[in-house]
């Protein structure tokens, strides 16, 4: 039988083992089938009388079961046993008022598995009202989100201390006060330095103003007695003009 002729109805746990031992080359690949093989073996053990069809065996083998979660596996086995004997499968409602995070997370995963199997097998042997199931599931999800948000406590971004639940800012009052007064002190020192520097620099007047004229008259600008260091001083020595008279 060629590979492209194999359908899901021909697949069983034996063919899955065969595919898992085969080596594929590009452009063909094979996914990890170990979990699928484990589920197929579980289905084979429970359906020892061979009541399930090949397609049903393959459908249960493809179910999204978390093999690392014991409660999830047990819930899958419970559904499988009910399906094999043809009994109605009813999902137990979640206690959405519970405060246990683990219980809510596991129950929501079980409901999702129940929905997947019911949809895959066209609601065969599954007895439930979809509206009630969805409403109960949504309430459980809302409760879980509330518990998870309460578990995450806000902390101060500066010192790391716990903040009140209704805190609007990511910083505590003490760190805010220190940061606020620290900025005031820095700005105060800068302003004082600017003021002291202005006193030492002296007055500055624009050229042509009355203050500038008074400043030049006080310092004696343009005369030989100028005391300002910024003004040009005239030399008292007379220039030599020709030979001295005898």
Protein backbone atom coordinates (compact mmCIF):
# COMPACT_ATOMS: atom_id res chain seq x y z
CA UNK A 1 0.00 0.00 0.00
CA UNK A 2 1.42 3.36 -1.04
CA UNK A 3 1.82 6.23 1.41
CA UNK A 4 -0.52 8.53 -0.49
CA UNK A 5 -3.23 5.86 -0.44
CA UNK A 6 -3.36 5.63 3.36
CA UNK A 7 -6.36 7.34 4.93
CA UNK A 8 -7.19 7.98 8.58
CA UNK A 9 -9.48 4.93 8.53
CA UNK A 10 -6.51 2.64 7.77
CA UNK A 11 -4.40 4.00 10.59
CA UNK A 12 -4.19 2.10 13.87
CA UNK A 13 -1.70 1.96 16.68
CA UNK A 14 0.29 -0.64 14.67
CA UNK A 15 0.63 1.67 11.67
CA UNK A 16 1.52 4.50 14.04
CA UNK A 17 4.37 2.42 15.44
CA UNK A 18 5.47 1.72 11.90
CA UNK A 19 5.51 5.40 10.99
CA UNK A 20 7.42 6.23 14.17
CA UNK A 21 10.28 3.86 13.18
CA UNK A 22 10.49 5.05 9.57
CA UNK A 23 13.03 7.60 8.36
CA UNK A 24 11.70 10.30 6.06
CA UNK A 25 13.69 12.43 3.63
CA UNK A 26 12.84 15.82 2.20
CA UNK A 27 10.27 16.97 1.28
CA UNK A 28 8.50 14.48 3.59
CA UNK A 29 8.50 14.81 7.37
CA UNK A 30 6.93 12.89 10.23
CA UNK A 31 5.77 14.51 13.45
CA UNK A 32 6.51 13.12 16.90
CA UNK A 33 4.05 10.25 17.32
CA UNK A 34 5.01 9.05 20.79
CA UNK A 35 2.08 10.68 22.59
CA UNK A 36 -0.29 9.58 19.87
CA UNK A 37 0.98 5.99 20.15
CA UNK A 38 0.51 6.08 23.92
CA UNK A 39 -3.10 7.21 23.52
CA UNK A 40 -3.70 4.57 20.84
CA UNK A 41 -2.43 1.87 23.22
CA UNK A 42 -4.77 3.19 25.92
CA UNK A 43 -7.68 2.98 23.51
CA UNK A 44 -6.68 -0.57 22.56
CA UNK A 45 -6.56 -1.66 26.20
CA UNK A 46 -10.02 -0.28 26.98
CA UNK A 47 -11.60 -1.42 23.70
CA UNK A 48 -10.42 -5.01 24.13
CA UNK A 49 -13.67 -6.31 22.59
CA UNK A 50 -13.13 -4.29 19.44
CA UNK A 51 -16.35 -2.28 19.56
CA UNK A 52 -14.78 0.88 18.19
CA UNK A 53 -14.22 1.43 14.52
CA UNK A 54 -10.83 2.30 13.09
CA UNK A 55 -11.85 5.91 12.59
CA UNK A 56 -13.03 6.14 16.23
CA UNK A 57 -9.76 4.66 17.46
CA UNK A 58 -7.85 7.18 15.37
CA UNK A 59 -10.09 10.01 16.62
CA UNK A 60 -9.38 9.21 20.28
CA UNK A 61 -5.68 8.83 19.48
CA UNK A 62 -5.64 12.39 18.10
CA UNK A 63 -7.40 13.90 21.14
CA UNK A 64 -5.63 16.91 22.77
CA UNK A 65 -4.77 15.12 26.02
CA UNK A 66 -2.12 16.52 28.35
CA UNK A 67 -0.28 13.35 29.36
CA UNK A 68 1.65 15.27 31.98
CA UNK A 69 -1.55 16.12 33.87
CA UNK A 70 -2.94 13.06 35.64
CA UNK A 71 -6.43 14.51 36.12
CA UNK A 72 -6.65 15.23 32.40
CA UNK A 73 -5.65 11.69 31.48
CA UNK A 74 -8.15 10.23 33.96
CA UNK A 75 -10.92 12.38 32.49
CA UNK A 76 -10.02 11.15 28.99
CA UNK A 77 -10.14 7.51 30.13
CA UNK A 78 -13.53 8.11 31.79
CA UNK A 79 -14.98 9.51 28.55
CA UNK A 80 -13.43 6.69 26.53
CA UNK A 81 -14.96 3.98 28.73
CA UNK A 82 -18.38 5.62 28.49
CA UNK A 83 -18.05 5.90 24.71
CA UNK A 84 -17.03 2.24 24.28
CA UNK A 85 -20.07 0.86 26.13
CA UNK A 86 -22.38 3.43 24.56
CA UNK A 87 -23.44 5.19 27.75
CA UNK A 88 -24.40 8.89 27.70
CA UNK A 89 -21.48 11.15 28.55
CA UNK A 90 -22.45 14.11 30.70
CA UNK A 91 -19.99 16.77 31.77
CA UNK A 92 -20.03 17.84 35.40
CA UNK A 93 -20.39 21.64 35.80
CA UNK A 94 -17.41 23.56 37.16
CA UNK A 95 -17.70 25.17 40.57
CA UNK A 96 -16.94 28.68 39.32
CA UNK A 97 -17.07 30.03 42.91
CA UNK A 98 -14.02 28.03 43.92
CA UNK A 99 -10.88 29.91 44.97
CA UNK A 100 -8.48 27.10 43.99
CA UNK A 101 -6.48 28.03 40.91
CA UNK A 102 -5.34 24.46 40.15
CA UNK A 103 -8.90 23.15 40.27
CA UNK A 104 -10.21 25.83 37.92
CA UNK A 105 -7.34 25.39 35.43
CA UNK A 106 -7.75 21.59 35.32
CA UNK A 107 -11.56 21.78 35.06
CA UNK A 108 -11.39 24.23 32.16
CA UNK A 109 -8.96 21.95 30.30
CA UNK A 110 -11.29 19.00 30.87
CA UNK A 111 -14.25 20.93 29.48
CA UNK A 112 -12.22 21.84 26.40
CA UNK A 113 -11.36 18.15 25.90
CA UNK A 114 -15.05 17.28 26.27
CA UNK A 115 -15.95 19.87 23.63
CA UNK A 116 -13.27 18.63 21.23
CA UNK A 117 -14.37 14.99 21.43
CA UNK A 118 -18.06 15.87 21.17
CA UNK A 119 -17.39 17.95 18.05
CA UNK A 120 -15.12 15.30 16.52
CA UNK A 121 -17.68 12.50 16.96
CA UNK A 122 -20.68 14.70 16.04
CA UNK A 123 -22.05 14.58 19.61
CA UNK A 124 -22.37 10.77 19.54
CA UNK A 125 -23.09 9.62 23.15
CA UNK A 126 -22.38 13.17 24.39
CA UNK A 127 -25.32 14.56 26.35
CA UNK A 128 -25.07 18.30 27.11
CA UNK A 129 -26.56 21.70 26.41
CA UNK A 130 -24.01 23.82 24.62
CA UNK A 131 -25.32 27.14 25.96
CA UNK A 132 -25.13 25.98 29.60
CA UNK A 133 -21.70 24.45 29.04
CA UNK A 134 -20.30 27.65 27.54
CA UNK A 135 -21.83 29.84 30.24
CA UNK A 136 -20.36 27.70 33.02
CA UNK A 137 -16.98 27.65 31.29
CA UNK A 138 -16.90 31.44 30.86
CA UNK A 139 -17.74 31.99 34.53
CA UNK A 140 -14.90 29.67 35.52
CA UNK A 141 -12.49 31.52 33.21
CA UNK A 142 -13.51 34.89 34.68
CA UNK A 143 -13.00 33.57 38.20
CA UNK A 144 -9.60 32.16 37.27
CA UNK A 145 -8.49 35.46 35.73
CA UNK A 146 -9.59 37.30 38.87
CA UNK A 147 -7.61 34.96 41.12
CA UNK A 148 -4.53 35.23 38.91
CA UNK A 149 -4.71 39.04 38.86
CA UNK A 150 -5.05 39.13 42.66
CA UNK A 151 -2.06 36.84 42.97
CA UNK A 152 0.13 39.35 41.11
CA UNK A 153 0.79 42.05 43.74
CA UNK A 154 2.04 45.48 42.59
CA UNK A 155 5.43 46.61 43.93
CA UNK A 156 7.31 49.91 44.03
CA UNK A 157 9.58 50.44 41.05
CA UNK A 158 12.18 52.11 43.25
CA UNK A 159 12.47 50.14 46.51
CA UNK A 160 10.42 47.04 45.62
CA UNK A 161 8.04 47.21 48.59
CA UNK A 162 4.43 46.01 48.24
CA UNK A 163 1.98 48.67 47.10
CA UNK A 164 -1.69 48.92 48.07
CA UNK A 165 -4.10 47.09 45.80
CA UNK A 166 -5.70 50.36 44.67
CA UNK A 167 -2.42 52.19 44.07
CA UNK A 168 -2.54 54.36 40.93
CA UNK A 169 1.23 54.86 40.59
CA UNK A 170 4.10 52.31 40.51
CA UNK A 171 5.98 54.05 43.34
CA UNK A 172 5.45 54.24 47.10
CA UNK A 173 4.89 57.49 48.99
CA UNK A 174 8.31 57.48 50.70
CA UNK A 175 10.25 57.05 47.45
CA UNK A 176 8.10 59.71 45.81
CA UNK A 177 8.85 62.19 48.63
CA UNK A 178 12.59 61.54 48.52
CA UNK A 179 12.67 61.91 44.77
CA UNK A 180 10.59 65.09 44.93
CA UNK A 181 12.67 66.81 47.64
CA UNK A 182 15.89 65.66 46.00
CA UNK A 183 14.93 67.47 42.82
CA UNK A 184 14.04 70.61 44.77
CA UNK A 185 17.46 70.66 46.49
CA UNK A 186 19.28 70.25 43.21
CA UNK A 187 17.34 73.03 41.55
CA UNK A 188 17.81 75.24 44.65
CA UNK A 189 21.60 74.84 44.58
CA UNK A 190 21.70 75.66 40.89
CA UNK A 191 19.62 78.81 41.39
CA UNK A 192 21.85 79.97 44.27
CA UNK A 193 24.95 79.46 42.20
CA UNK A 194 23.42 81.49 39.37
CA UNK A 195 22.55 84.31 41.74
CA UNK A 196 26.04 84.43 43.30
CA UNK A 197 27.63 84.37 39.87
CA UNK A 198 25.56 87.35 38.72
CA UNK A 199 26.74 89.41 41.68
CA UNK A 200 30.41 88.78 40.90
CA UNK A 201 30.08 89.53 37.20
CA UNK A 202 28.90 93.12 37.63
CA UNK A 203 26.28 95.04 35.75
CA UNK A 204 25.98 94.72 31.99
CA UNK A 205 24.37 97.50 29.96
CA UNK A 206 23.57 97.58 26.26
CA UNK A 207 25.67 99.88 24.10
CA UNK A 208 24.09 103.33 23.63
CA UNK A 209 21.91 103.18 26.74
CA UNK A 210 22.06 105.68 29.63
CA UNK A 211 23.51 103.04 31.90
CA UNK A 212 26.30 102.39 29.43
CA UNK A 213 27.16 106.12 29.24
CA UNK A 214 27.22 106.46 33.02
CA UNK A 215 29.39 103.37 33.28
CA UNK A 216 31.93 104.87 30.86
CA UNK A 217 31.93 108.20 32.64
CA UNK A 218 32.48 106.59 36.04
CA UNK A 219 35.39 104.49 34.84
CA UNK A 220 36.95 107.38 32.91
CA UNK A 221 36.81 105.60 29.60
CA UNK A 222 38.66 107.38 26.77
CA UNK A 223 40.93 109.36 29.20
CA UNK A 224 44.39 108.66 30.41
CA UNK A 225 43.21 108.08 33.96
CA UNK A 226 40.99 105.12 33.03
CA UNK A 227 41.05 102.49 35.71
CA UNK A 228 39.17 99.87 33.71
CA UNK A 229 41.24 96.94 32.52
CA UNK A 230 39.13 96.60 29.40
CA UNK A 231 39.88 100.11 28.07
CA UNK A 232 42.96 101.12 26.04
CA UNK A 233 45.51 103.19 27.98
CA UNK A 234 47.37 106.01 26.20
CA UNK A 235 51.15 106.20 26.64
CA UNK A 236 52.56 109.37 28.36
CA UNK A 237 55.82 109.19 26.43
CA UNK A 238 56.15 111.71 23.62
CA UNK A 239 57.06 110.46 20.20
CA UNK A 240 60.57 111.32 18.88
CA UNK A 241 60.37 113.89 16.07
CA UNK A 242 63.65 114.52 14.26
CA UNK A 243 67.08 115.26 15.82
CA UNK A 244 67.36 117.07 19.11
CA UNK A 245 68.45 120.67 18.98
CA UNK A 246 72.03 121.51 20.07
